[in-house]
Amino acid sequence: MRINKGVEWAAHACAVLVPLWPDRGLPLAALAEFHGLPEPYMAKQMQALSRAGIVTGGRGRSGFYMLAKPPAEITLLDILLAVDGEEPAFRCSEIRQQGPCAAKPDECKLPCNIAAGFARAERSYRESLAQVDLAALTGAVAAQLGPDKVAEAGEWMAANLRSRG
């Protein structure tokens, strides 16, 4: 299964916003700059997160984004669905009803075993993503990066912060 870059970028942007919650955020330009990404494409991901209620804010270059709810209430599944939508990755086209040995529609009353296998795998995948919240994830990321990198990121964020109010 391939996850598009937009999901990765959105997840990273949310992770950067975690230590700023509940009343601070970063401008779109800063979120794009932090990860070395094109601002227009980052804007698209942030708009998707905003529509899903994961972040608030925006309103152009002068606006800023912040998490809309506690980091422990935002999962990787929430981010994936916000950016990629609810559609399953595998969509059965009933290929068993095509070709020289095609089954008749009335012979296909039971779900295709291949489609059912993909559906089970996707359920497991989504259940796994639903178990990973931003609070736990960013704690693990900070531990992996170490105190020097965390301090560097904190200094950069402090220089780019925007506050509500």
C-alpha atoms as a PDB file:
ATOM      1  CA  MET A   1       0.000   0.000   0.000  1.00  0.00           C
ATOM      2  CA  ARG A   2       1.338   3.396  -0.922  1.00  0.00           C
ATOM      3  CA  ILE A   3       0.440   6.463   1.118  1.00  0.00           C
ATOM      4  CA  ASN A   4       0.648   9.703  -0.817  1.00  0.00           C
ATOM      5  CA  LYS A   5       3.117  12.407   0.155  1.00  0.00           C
ATOM      6  CA  GLY A   6       0.288  14.694   1.263  1.00  0.00           C
ATOM      7  CA  VAL A   7      -0.540  12.376   4.156  1.00  0.00           C
ATOM      8  CA  GLU A   8       3.101  12.330   5.234  1.00  0.00           C
ATOM      9  CA  TRP A   9       3.345  16.112   5.010  1.00  0.00           C
ATOM     10  CA  ALA A  10       0.094  16.618   6.923  1.00  0.00           C
ATOM     11  CA  ALA A  11       1.202  14.242   9.675  1.00  0.00           C
ATOM     12  CA  HIS A  12       4.529  16.045  10.041  1.00  0.00           C
ATOM     13  CA  ALA A  13       2.808  19.430  10.121  1.00  0.00           C
ATOM     14  CA  CYS A  14       0.465  18.210  12.874  1.00  0.00           C
ATOM     15  CA  ALA A  15       3.403  16.817  14.835  1.00  0.00           C
ATOM     16  CA  VAL A  16       5.108  20.226  14.697  1.00  0.00           C
ATOM     17  CA  LEU A  17       1.928  21.848  16.054  1.00  0.00           C
ATOM     18  CA  VAL A  18       1.624  19.487  19.049  1.00  0.00           C
ATOM     19  CA  PRO A  19       3.884  21.392  21.480  1.00  0.00           C
ATOM     20  CA  LEU A  20       2.051  24.626  20.602  1.00  0.00           C
ATOM     21  CA  TRP A  21      -1.428  23.361  21.505  1.00  0.00           C
ATOM     22  CA  PRO A  22      -3.885  24.736  22.751  1.00  0.00           C
ATOM     23  CA  ASP A  23      -3.455  28.408  21.917  1.00  0.00           C
ATOM     24  CA  ARG A  24      -0.486  28.849  19.599  1.00  0.00           C
ATOM     25  CA  GLY A  25       0.237  27.923  16.013  1.00  0.00           C
ATOM     26  CA  LEU A  26       2.425  28.561  12.998  1.00  0.00           C
ATOM     27  CA  PRO A  27       1.834  30.376   9.719  1.00  0.00           C
ATOM     28  CA  LEU A  28       1.472  28.273   6.592  1.00  0.00           C
ATOM     29  CA  ALA A  29       4.772  29.629   5.268  1.00  0.00           C
ATOM     30  CA  ALA A  30       6.562  28.494   8.428  1.00  0.00           C
ATOM     31  CA  LEU A  31       5.019  25.002   8.304  1.00  0.00           C
ATOM     32  CA  ALA A  32       6.169  24.628   4.700  1.00  0.00           C
ATOM     33  CA  GLU A  33       9.607  26.069   5.462  1.00  0.00           C
ATOM     34  CA  PHE A  34      10.153  23.798   8.477  1.00  0.00           C
ATOM     35  CA  HIS A  35       9.972  20.743   6.241  1.00  0.00           C
ATOM     36  CA  GLY A  36      11.421  22.319   3.088  1.00  0.00           C
ATOM     37  CA  LEU A  37       8.163  21.844   1.187  1.00  0.00           C
ATOM     38  CA  PRO A  38       6.334  23.881  -1.453  1.00  0.00           C
ATOM     39  CA  GLU A  39       3.910  26.257   0.259  1.00  0.00           C
ATOM     40  CA  PRO A  40       1.006  25.729  -2.206  1.00  0.00           C
ATOM     41  CA  TYR A  41       1.086  21.972  -1.702  1.00  0.00           C
ATOM     42  CA  MET A  42       1.337  22.354   2.083  1.00  0.00           C
ATOM     43  CA  ALA A  43      -1.662  24.705   1.876  1.00  0.00           C
ATOM     44  CA  LYS A  44      -3.690  21.960   0.208  1.00  0.00           C
ATOM     45  CA  GLN A  45      -2.904  19.512   3.026  1.00  0.00           C
ATOM     46  CA  MET A  46      -3.635  22.065   5.735  1.00  0.00           C
ATOM     47  CA  GLN A  47      -6.978  22.908   4.113  1.00  0.00           C
ATOM     48  CA  ALA A  48      -7.892  19.205   4.155  1.00  0.00           C
ATOM     49  CA  LEU A  49      -6.937  19.001   7.841  1.00  0.00           C
ATOM     50  CA  SER A  50      -9.004  22.115   8.535  1.00  0.00           C
ATOM     51  CA  ARG A  51     -12.091  20.695   6.761  1.00  0.00           C
ATOM     52  CA  ALA A  52     -11.734  17.553   8.901  1.00  0.00           C
ATOM     53  CA  GLY A  53     -11.587  19.588  12.128  1.00  0.00           C
ATOM     54  CA  ILE A  54      -8.004  18.577  12.940  1.00  0.00           C
ATOM     55  CA  VAL A  55      -6.576  22.104  12.667  1.00  0.00           C
ATOM     56  CA  THR A  56      -8.065  25.566  12.773  1.00  0.00           C
ATOM     57  CA  GLY A  57      -6.862  28.744  11.209  1.00  0.00           C
ATOM     58  CA  GLY A  58      -5.436  29.526   7.864  1.00  0.00           C
ATOM     59  CA  ARG A  59      -6.759  32.519   5.941  1.00  0.00           C
ATOM     60  CA  GLY A  60      -3.799  33.040   3.649  1.00  0.00           C
ATOM     61  CA  ARG A  61      -0.141  33.817   4.322  1.00  0.00           C
ATOM     62  CA  SER A  62      -0.931  36.084   7.267  1.00  0.00           C
ATOM     63  CA  GLY A  63      -3.043  33.474   9.031  1.00  0.00           C
ATOM     64  CA  PHE A  64      -1.758  30.591  11.062  1.00  0.00           C
ATOM     65  CA  TYR A  65      -2.673  26.998  11.836  1.00  0.00           C
ATOM     66  CA  MET A  66      -3.083  25.357  15.204  1.00  0.00           C
ATOM     67  CA  LEU A  67      -4.472  22.027  16.377  1.00  0.00           C
ATOM     68  CA  ALA A  68      -8.242  22.116  16.844  1.00  0.00           C
ATOM     69  CA  LYS A  69      -8.313  19.514  19.626  1.00  0.00           C
ATOM     70  CA  PRO A  70      -5.965  17.839  22.087  1.00  0.00           C
ATOM     71  CA  PRO A  71      -3.116  15.898  20.435  1.00  0.00           C
ATOM     72  CA  ALA A  72      -4.196  12.721  22.244  1.00  0.00           C
ATOM     73  CA  GLU A  73      -7.512  12.918  20.348  1.00  0.00           C
ATOM     74  CA  ILE A  74      -5.920  13.075  16.872  1.00  0.00           C
ATOM     75  CA  THR A  75      -4.746   9.816  15.322  1.00  0.00           C
ATOM     76  CA  LEU A  76      -2.775   8.949  12.231  1.00  0.00           C
ATOM     77  CA  LEU A  77      -6.012   7.483  10.867  1.00  0.00           C
ATOM     78  CA  ASP A  78      -7.716  10.874  11.293  1.00  0.00           C
ATOM     79  CA  ILE A  79      -4.941  12.503   9.276  1.00  0.00           C
ATOM     80  CA  LEU A  80      -4.978   9.807   6.575  1.00  0.00           C
ATOM     81  CA  LEU A  81      -8.753  10.087   6.144  1.00  0.00           C
ATOM     82  CA  ALA A  82      -8.627  13.898   6.121  1.00  0.00           C
ATOM     83  CA  VAL A  83      -6.122  13.967   3.272  1.00  0.00           C
ATOM     84  CA  ASP A  84      -6.962  10.809   1.301  1.00  0.00           C
ATOM     85  CA  GLY A  85     -10.660  10.458   2.075  1.00  0.00           C
ATOM     86  CA  GLU A  86     -12.730   7.513   3.242  1.00  0.00           C
ATOM     87  CA  GLU A  87     -12.522   5.418   0.072  1.00  0.00           C
ATOM     88  CA  PRO A  88     -10.818   2.061   0.570  1.00  0.00           C
ATOM     89  CA  ALA A  89      -7.468   1.551  -1.114  1.00  0.00           C
ATOM     90  CA  PHE A  90      -8.740  -1.544  -2.958  1.00  0.00           C
ATOM     91  CA  ARG A  91     -11.894  -1.338  -5.031  1.00  0.00           C
ATOM     92  CA  CYS A  92     -13.208  -4.583  -6.482  1.00  0.00           C
ATOM     93  CA  SER A  93     -14.132  -4.267 -10.155  1.00  0.00           C
ATOM     94  CA  GLU A  94     -15.678  -7.767 -10.307  1.00  0.00           C
ATOM     95  CA  ILE A  95     -13.044  -8.941 -12.772  1.00  0.00           C
ATOM     96  CA  ARG A  96     -14.309 -12.481 -12.160  1.00  0.00           C
ATOM     97  CA  GLN A  97     -17.276 -11.531 -14.377  1.00  0.00           C
ATOM     98  CA  GLN A  98     -15.017 -10.728 -17.350  1.00  0.00           C
ATOM     99  CA  GLY A  99     -13.038 -12.715 -19.888  1.00  0.00           C
ATOM    100  CA  PRO A 100     -13.609 -16.072 -21.576  1.00  0.00           C
ATOM    101  CA  CYS A 101     -14.412 -17.928 -18.328  1.00  0.00           C
ATOM    102  CA  ALA A 102     -16.497 -15.126 -16.808  1.00  0.00           C
ATOM    103  CA  ALA A 103     -18.847 -15.914 -13.952  1.00  0.00           C
ATOM    104  CA  LYS A 104     -22.422 -14.788 -14.333  1.00  0.00           C
ATOM    105  CA  PRO A 105     -23.616 -12.077 -11.946  1.00  0.00           C
ATOM    106  CA  ASP A 106     -25.974 -14.526 -10.223  1.00  0.00           C
ATOM    107  CA  GLU A 107     -22.939 -16.772  -9.541  1.00  0.00           C
ATOM    108  CA  CYS A 108     -21.274 -13.921  -7.667  1.00  0.00           C
ATOM    109  CA  LYS A 109     -23.615 -13.548  -4.718  1.00  0.00           C
ATOM    110  CA  LEU A 110     -20.790 -14.096  -2.219  1.00  0.00           C
ATOM    111  CA  PRO A 111     -18.081 -11.457  -1.997  1.00  0.00           C
ATOM    112  CA  CYS A 112     -14.977 -12.086  -4.036  1.00  0.00           C
ATOM    113  CA  ASN A 113     -12.392 -13.751  -1.794  1.00  0.00           C
ATOM    114  CA  ILE A 114      -9.679 -11.473  -3.131  1.00  0.00           C
ATOM    115  CA  ALA A 115     -11.716  -8.353  -2.334  1.00  0.00           C
ATOM    116  CA  ALA A 116     -12.550  -9.782   1.091  1.00  0.00           C
ATOM    117  CA  GLY A 117      -8.850 -10.399   1.793  1.00  0.00           C
ATOM    118  CA  PHE A 118      -7.961  -6.831   0.865  1.00  0.00           C
ATOM    119  CA  ALA A 119     -10.848  -5.530   2.989  1.00  0.00           C
ATOM    120  CA  ARG A 120      -9.597  -7.479   6.044  1.00  0.00           C
ATOM    121  CA  ALA A 121      -6.081  -6.156   5.529  1.00  0.00           C
ATOM    122  CA  GLU A 122      -7.321  -2.575   5.210  1.00  0.00           C
ATOM    123  CA  ARG A 123      -9.424  -2.897   8.375  1.00  0.00           C
ATOM    124  CA  SER A 124      -6.337  -4.068  10.263  1.00  0.00           C
ATOM    125  CA  TYR A 125      -4.262  -1.263   8.768  1.00  0.00           C
ATOM    126  CA  ARG A 126      -6.820   1.387   9.736  1.00  0.00           C
ATOM    127  CA  GLU A 127      -7.260  -0.078  13.229  1.00  0.00           C
ATOM    128  CA  SER A 128      -3.503   0.116  13.679  1.00  0.00           C
ATOM    129  CA  LEU A 129      -3.372   3.768  12.576  1.00  0.00           C
ATOM    130  CA  ALA A 130      -6.268   4.569  14.921  1.00  0.00           C
ATOM    131  CA  GLN A 131      -4.105   3.413  17.845  1.00  0.00           C
ATOM    132  CA  VAL A 132      -1.368   6.000  17.174  1.00  0.00           C
ATOM    133  CA  ASP A 133      -2.252   9.438  18.561  1.00  0.00           C
ATOM    134  CA  LEU A 134      -0.218  12.605  18.088  1.00  0.00           C
ATOM    135  CA  ALA A 135       0.622  12.984  21.773  1.00  0.00           C
ATOM    136  CA  ALA A 136       2.276   9.570  21.998  1.00  0.00           C
ATOM    137  CA  LEU A 137       3.824   9.876  18.552  1.00  0.00           C
ATOM    138  CA  THR A 138       5.498  13.227  19.170  1.00  0.00           C
ATOM    139  CA  GLY A 139       6.830  12.010  22.499  1.00  0.00           C
ATOM    140  CA  ALA A 140       8.501   9.114  20.706  1.00  0.00           C
ATOM    141  CA  VAL A 141       9.819  11.426  17.970  1.00  0.00           C
ATOM    142  CA  ALA A 142      11.322  13.809  20.542  1.00  0.00           C
ATOM    143  CA  ALA A 143      12.997  10.914  22.355  1.00  0.00           C
ATOM    144  CA  GLN A 144      14.430   9.640  19.071  1.00  0.00           C
ATOM    145  CA  LEU A 145      15.713  13.072  17.988  1.00  0.00           C
ATOM    146  CA  GLY A 146      17.381  13.848  21.290  1.00  0.00           C
ATOM    147  CA  PRO A 147      17.510  17.036  23.355  1.00  0.00           C
ATOM    148  CA  ASP A 148      19.750  19.073  21.027  1.00  0.00           C
ATOM    149  CA  LYS A 149      17.497  18.642  17.962  1.00  0.00           C
ATOM    150  CA  VAL A 150      14.368  19.233  20.066  1.00  0.00           C
ATOM    151  CA  ALA A 151      15.885  22.458  21.435  1.00  0.00           C
ATOM    152  CA  GLU A 152      16.823  23.578  17.906  1.00  0.00           C
ATOM    153  CA  ALA A 153      13.259  22.959  16.704  1.00  0.00           C
ATOM    154  CA  GLY A 154      11.884  24.757  19.762  1.00  0.00           C
ATOM    155  CA  GLU A 155      13.995  27.829  19.045  1.00  0.00           C
ATOM    156  CA  TRP A 156      12.869  27.853  15.420  1.00  0.00           C
ATOM    157  CA  MET A 157       9.216  27.539  16.447  1.00  0.00           C
ATOM    158  CA  ALA A 158       9.539  30.323  19.022  1.00  0.00           C
ATOM    159  CA  ALA A 159      10.761  32.644  16.271  1.00  0.00           C
ATOM    160  CA  ASN A 160       7.731  31.807  14.093  1.00  0.00           C
ATOM    161  CA  LEU A 161       4.918  31.518  16.644  1.00  0.00           C
ATOM    162  CA  ARG A 162       1.510  33.098  16.435  1.00  0.00           C
ATOM    163  CA  SER A 163      -0.875  33.188  19.376  1.00  0.00           C
ATOM    164  CA  ARG A 164      -4.634  33.201  19.538  1.00  0.00           C
ATOM    165  CA  GLY A 165      -6.092  36.383  20.873  1.00  0.00           C
END
